C-alpha atoms as a PDB file:
ATOM      1  CA  MET A   1       0.015   0.001  -0.017  1.00  0.00           C
ATOM      2  CA  ILE A   2       1.896   3.044  -1.256  1.00  0.00           C
ATOM      3  CA  SER A   3       0.391   6.502  -1.381  1.00  0.00           C
ATOM      4  CA  GLY A   4       2.333   8.579  -3.873  1.00  0.00           C
ATOM      5  CA  GLU A   5       5.964   8.145  -2.781  1.00  0.00           C
ATOM      6  CA  ILE A   6       5.019   7.456   0.860  1.00  0.00           C
ATOM      7  CA  ASN A   7       5.435   3.922   2.153  1.00  0.00           C
ATOM      8  CA  VAL A   8       2.521   3.955   4.633  1.00  0.00           C
ATOM      9  CA  PRO A   9       3.162   0.504   6.193  1.00  0.00           C
ATOM     10  CA  ALA A  10       6.787   1.381   6.837  1.00  0.00           C
ATOM     11  CA  LEU A  11       5.783   4.664   8.575  1.00  0.00           C
ATOM     12  CA  LEU A  12       3.235   2.856  10.718  1.00  0.00           C
ATOM     13  CA  THR A  13       5.752   0.106  11.592  1.00  0.00           C
ATOM     14  CA  ASN A  14       8.295   2.775  12.636  1.00  0.00           C
ATOM     15  CA  ALA A  15       5.608   4.266  14.901  1.00  0.00           C
ATOM     16  CA  GLY A  16       5.052   0.955  16.680  1.00  0.00           C
ATOM     17  CA  PHE A  17       2.130  -0.453  14.724  1.00  0.00           C
ATOM     18  CA  GLN A  18       2.205  -4.116  13.524  1.00  0.00           C
ATOM     19  CA  VAL A  19       0.867  -3.955   9.996  1.00  0.00           C
ATOM     20  CA  ARG A  20      -0.843  -6.720   8.060  1.00  0.00           C
ATOM     21  CA  ASN A  21      -2.420  -5.716   4.750  1.00  0.00           C
ATOM     22  CA  SER A  22      -4.881  -2.884   5.431  1.00  0.00           C
ATOM     23  CA  ARG A  23      -5.103  -3.578   9.209  1.00  0.00           C
ATOM     24  CA  ALA A  24      -2.671  -3.043  12.081  1.00  0.00           C
ATOM     25  CA  THR A  25      -2.404  -3.467  15.845  1.00  0.00           C
ATOM     26  CA  CYS A  26      -2.488  -0.267  17.864  1.00  0.00           C
ATOM     27  CA  PRO A  27       0.554   0.495  20.054  1.00  0.00           C
ATOM     28  CA  PHE A  28      -1.628   2.746  22.274  1.00  0.00           C
ATOM     29  CA  CYS A  29      -4.247   0.145  23.245  1.00  0.00           C
ATOM     30  CA  GLU A  30      -3.772  -1.737  26.506  1.00  0.00           C
ATOM     31  CA  GLY A  31      -4.476  -5.448  26.948  1.00  0.00           C
ATOM     32  CA  HIS A  32      -4.808  -8.085  24.275  1.00  0.00           C
ATOM     33  CA  ARG A  33      -3.697  -7.194  20.794  1.00  0.00           C
ATOM     34  CA  LYS A  34      -5.960  -7.454  17.786  1.00  0.00           C
ATOM     35  CA  PHE A  35      -5.890  -5.784  14.419  1.00  0.00           C
ATOM     36  CA  THR A  36      -8.112  -2.867  15.355  1.00  0.00           C
ATOM     37  CA  VAL A  37      -6.494  -0.172  13.228  1.00  0.00           C
ATOM     38  CA  ALA A  38      -7.975   0.389   9.763  1.00  0.00           C
ATOM     39  CA  ILE A  39      -5.697   1.900   7.085  1.00  0.00           C
ATOM     40  CA  HIS A  40      -7.186   3.775   4.142  1.00  0.00           C
ATOM     41  CA  GLY A  41      -4.610   5.554   1.944  1.00  0.00           C
ATOM     42  CA  GLU A  42      -2.819   8.058   4.174  1.00  0.00           C
ATOM     43  CA  LEU A  43      -5.377   7.732   7.021  1.00  0.00           C
ATOM     44  CA  TYR A  44      -5.419   5.338   9.959  1.00  0.00           C
ATOM     45  CA  TYR A  45      -7.949   4.870  12.741  1.00  0.00           C
ATOM     46  CA  CYS A  46      -8.085   2.523  15.790  1.00  0.00           C
ATOM     47  CA  HIS A  47     -11.618   1.366  16.483  1.00  0.00           C
ATOM     48  CA  ARG A  48     -10.798   0.483  20.128  1.00  0.00           C
ATOM     49  CA  CYS A  49      -9.077   3.632  21.440  1.00  0.00           C
ATOM     50  CA  GLN A  50     -10.443   6.035  18.752  1.00  0.00           C
ATOM     51  CA  ARG A  51      -6.989   7.344  17.920  1.00  0.00           C
ATOM     52  CA  GLY A  52      -6.245   8.041  14.319  1.00  0.00           C
ATOM     53  CA  GLY A  53      -4.986  10.621  11.908  1.00  0.00           C
ATOM     54  CA  ASN A  54      -2.988  11.300   8.834  1.00  0.00           C
ATOM     55  CA  VAL A  55       0.267   9.467   8.109  1.00  0.00           C
ATOM     56  CA  ARG A  56       1.915  12.798   7.294  1.00  0.00           C
ATOM     57  CA  THR A  57       1.394  14.083  10.882  1.00  0.00           C
ATOM     58  CA  LEU A  58       2.687  10.778  12.221  1.00  0.00           C
ATOM     59  CA  ALA A  59       5.790  11.133  10.037  1.00  0.00           C
ATOM     60  CA  ARG A  60       6.324  14.683  11.253  1.00  0.00           C
ATOM     61  CA  ALA A  61       6.141  13.456  14.853  1.00  0.00           C
ATOM     62  CA  GLN A  62       8.884  10.936  13.950  1.00  0.00           C
ATOM     63  CA  GLY A  63      10.990  13.759  12.472  1.00  0.00           C
ATOM     64  CA  LEU A  64      10.636  12.656   8.884  1.00  0.00           C
ATOM     65  CA  ASN A  65      10.162  15.042   5.976  1.00  0.00           C
ATOM     66  CA  LEU A  66       7.784  13.730   3.358  1.00  0.00           C
ATOM     67  CA  PRO A  67       7.600  14.888  -0.246  1.00  0.00           C
ATOM     68  CA  PRO A  68       4.834  17.447  -0.877  1.00  0.00           C
ATOM     69  CA  ARG A  69       1.506  16.189  -2.085  1.00  0.00           C
ATOM     70  CA  ARG A  70       1.030  15.983  -5.805  1.00  0.00           C
ATOM     71  CA  ILE A  71      -1.133  18.781  -7.142  1.00  0.00           C
ATOM     72  CA  ARG A  72      -3.402  17.456  -9.867  1.00  0.00           C
ATOM     73  CA  LYS A  73      -4.578  19.611 -12.725  1.00  0.00           C
ATOM     74  CA  ALA A  74      -8.185  19.406 -11.530  1.00  0.00           C
ATOM     75  CA  ASP A  75      -7.184  20.647  -8.072  1.00  0.00           C
ATOM     76  CA  LYS A  76      -6.083  23.989  -9.524  1.00  0.00           C
ATOM     77  CA  ALA A  77      -9.493  24.631 -11.022  1.00  0.00           C
ATOM     78  CA  LYS A  78     -11.225  23.585  -7.809  1.00  0.00           C
ATOM     79  CA  ALA A  79      -9.010  25.878  -5.746  1.00  0.00           C
ATOM     80  CA  ALA A  80      -9.775  28.752  -8.110  1.00  0.00           C
ATOM     81  CA  PHE A  81     -13.513  27.944  -7.859  1.00  0.00           C
ATOM     82  CA  ARG A  82     -13.338  27.941  -4.054  1.00  0.00           C
ATOM     83  CA  ALA A  83     -11.615  31.342  -4.104  1.00  0.00           C
ATOM     84  CA  TRP A  84     -14.285  32.646  -6.540  1.00  0.00           C
ATOM     85  CA  LEU A  85     -17.107  31.225  -4.401  1.00  0.00           C
ATOM     86  CA  SER A  86     -15.664  32.749  -1.267  1.00  0.00           C
ATOM     87  CA  GLN A  87     -15.426  36.143  -2.951  1.00  0.00           C
ATOM     88  CA  LYS A  88     -18.968  35.759  -4.372  1.00  0.00           C
ATOM     89  CA  MET A  89     -20.358  34.856  -0.938  1.00  0.00           C
ATOM     90  CA  ASN A  90     -18.718  37.972   0.522  1.00  0.00           C
ATOM     91  CA  GLU A  91     -20.188  40.143  -2.211  1.00  0.00           C
ATOM     92  CA  MET A  92     -23.645  38.607  -1.845  1.00  0.00           C
ATOM     93  CA  SER A  93     -23.659  38.933   1.913  1.00  0.00           C
ATOM     94  CA  ARG A  94     -22.657  42.578   1.740  1.00  0.00           C
ATOM     95  CA  ALA A  95     -25.317  43.311  -0.922  1.00  0.00           C
ATOM     96  CA  GLU A  96     -27.938  41.406   1.064  1.00  0.00           C
ATOM     97  CA  TYR A  97     -27.051  43.281   4.250  1.00  0.00           C
ATOM     98  CA  ARG A  98     -27.188  46.682   2.503  1.00  0.00           C
ATOM     99  CA  LEU A  99     -30.562  45.928   0.879  1.00  0.00           C
ATOM    100  CA  HIS A 100     -31.995  44.552   4.119  1.00  0.00           C
ATOM    101  CA  GLN A 101     -30.857  47.619   6.084  1.00  0.00           C
ATOM    102  CA  ARG A 102     -32.418  49.902   3.475  1.00  0.00           C
ATOM    103  CA  ALA A 103     -35.641  47.906   3.657  1.00  0.00           C
ATOM    104  CA  LYS A 104     -35.744  48.266   7.445  1.00  0.00           C
ATOM    105  CA  TRP A 105     -35.148  51.998   7.183  1.00  0.00           C
ATOM    106  CA  ALA A 106     -37.745  52.232   4.448  1.00  0.00           C
ATOM    107  CA  LYS A 107     -40.381  50.564   6.700  1.00  0.00           C
ATOM    108  CA  VAL A 108     -39.620  53.111   9.407  1.00  0.00           C
ATOM    109  CA  ALA A 109     -39.774  55.970   6.914  1.00  0.00           C
ATOM    110  CA  LEU A 110     -43.068  54.671   5.489  1.00  0.00           C
ATOM    111  CA  SER A 111     -44.638  54.579   8.926  1.00  0.00           C
ATOM    112  CA  PHE A 112     -44.111  58.369   9.092  1.00  0.00           C
ATOM    113  CA  TYR A 113     -44.357  59.282   5.397  1.00  0.00           C
ATOM    114  CA  PRO A 114     -46.572  56.739   3.518  1.00  0.00           C
ATOM    115  CA  ASP A 115     -46.050  58.474   0.165  1.00  0.00           C
ATOM    116  CA  PHE A 116     -42.238  58.593   0.299  1.00  0.00           C
ATOM    117  CA  GLU A 117     -41.267  57.127  -3.107  1.00  0.00           C
ATOM    118  CA  PRO A 118     -37.579  56.274  -2.344  1.00  0.00           C
ATOM    119  CA  ALA A 119     -38.718  54.131   0.601  1.00  0.00           C
ATOM    120  CA  TRP A 120     -41.066  52.206  -1.663  1.00  0.00           C
ATOM    121  CA  GLU A 121     -38.288  51.692  -4.193  1.00  0.00           C
ATOM    122  CA  ALA A 122     -35.973  50.397  -1.433  1.00  0.00           C
ATOM    123  CA  LEU A 123     -38.644  47.889  -0.302  1.00  0.00           C
ATOM    124  CA  ALA A 124     -39.226  46.835  -3.887  1.00  0.00           C
ATOM    125  CA  ALA A 125     -35.501  46.304  -4.475  1.00  0.00           C
ATOM    126  CA  TRP A 126     -35.283  44.156  -1.334  1.00  0.00           C
ATOM    127  CA  HIS A 127     -38.281  42.012  -2.236  1.00  0.00           C
ATOM    128  CA  HIS A 128     -37.089  41.540  -5.836  1.00  0.00           C
ATOM    129  CA  ALA A 129     -33.576  40.529  -4.707  1.00  0.00           C
ATOM    130  CA  GLU A 130     -34.690  38.359  -1.772  1.00  0.00           C
ATOM    131  CA  GLN A 131     -35.440  35.291  -3.983  1.00  0.00           C
ATOM    132  CA  GLN A 132     -32.077  35.681  -5.741  1.00  0.00           C
ATOM    133  CA  PHE A 133     -30.259  35.717  -2.371  1.00  0.00           C
ATOM    134  CA  GLN A 134     -32.169  32.702  -1.105  1.00  0.00           C
ATOM    135  CA  THR A 135     -31.399  30.748  -4.283  1.00  0.00           C
ATOM    136  CA  PHE A 136     -27.728  31.602  -4.130  1.00  0.00           C
ATOM    137  CA  TRP A 137     -27.354  30.677  -0.463  1.00  0.00           C
ATOM    138  CA  GLN A 138     -29.215  27.386  -1.037  1.00  0.00           C
ATOM    139  CA  SER A 139     -26.962  26.553  -3.972  1.00  0.00           C
ATOM    140  CA  ALA A 140     -23.807  27.495  -2.130  1.00  0.00           C
ATOM    141  CA  SER A 141     -24.747  25.446   0.945  1.00  0.00           C
ATOM    142  CA  ASP A 142     -25.453  22.007  -0.578  1.00  0.00           C
ATOM    143  CA  LYS A 143     -23.399  19.652  -2.674  1.00  0.00           C
ATOM    144  CA  CYS A 144     -25.632  19.623  -5.743  1.00  0.00           C
ATOM    145  CA  GLY A 145     -25.975  23.388  -5.759  1.00  0.00           C
ATOM    146  CA  ARG A 146     -22.186  23.853  -5.566  1.00  0.00           C
ATOM    147  CA  TYR A 147     -21.839  21.399  -8.425  1.00  0.00           C
ATOM    148  CA  TRP A 148     -24.076  23.544 -10.633  1.00  0.00           C
ATOM    149  CA  LEU A 149     -22.328  26.739  -9.515  1.00  0.00           C
ATOM    150  CA  TYR A 150     -19.027  25.066 -10.411  1.00  0.00           C
ATOM    151  CA  ARG A 151     -20.300  24.044 -13.859  1.00  0.00           C
ATOM    152  CA  ASN A 152     -21.544  27.566 -14.604  1.00  0.00           C
ATOM    153  CA  TRP A 153     -18.287  29.055 -13.308  1.00  0.00           C
ATOM    154  CA  ARG A 154     -16.241  26.726 -15.546  1.00  0.00           C
ATOM    155  CA  LYS A 155     -18.332  27.780 -18.601  1.00  0.00           C
ATOM    156  CA  ARG A 156     -17.641  31.454 -17.823  1.00  0.00           C
ATOM    157  CA  VAL A 157     -13.932  30.893 -17.225  1.00  0.00           C
ATOM    158  CA  ALA A 158     -13.417  28.681 -20.283  1.00  0.00           C
ATOM    159  CA  GLY A 159     -15.671  30.788 -22.585  1.00  0.00           C
END
């Protein structure tokens, strides 16, 4: 089981684990030894004592320097999308806050001056944009919505 250039079983053996295929005994557990540690790629987890982690942090604790992780071509686009989404979320939250504040002020103004046209326009702007904000936040908060945001973002970037 080799992850990139990292020999995971060798690192676990150096840390005191007894490795057999994708299982290992935990050096932290007291009492009888069984293969309670599950190994998946660079992750390990003991089902008895609930200790686990990443092999890279285990190697750092042993004083070993591992090669950096391989950056795949798809990871660059995903990182750029995450940066764009973060920026878009900041923009949308600022715009939503501004429109919401204006709507609150407009309600107060309309209670004193019912014919005040700018207050009605501020309320209309808030109510027209409210559905757009709700749709964006719903899309940004679930996996399927982020997928469609990503697809649309890729079309704009590539096009």
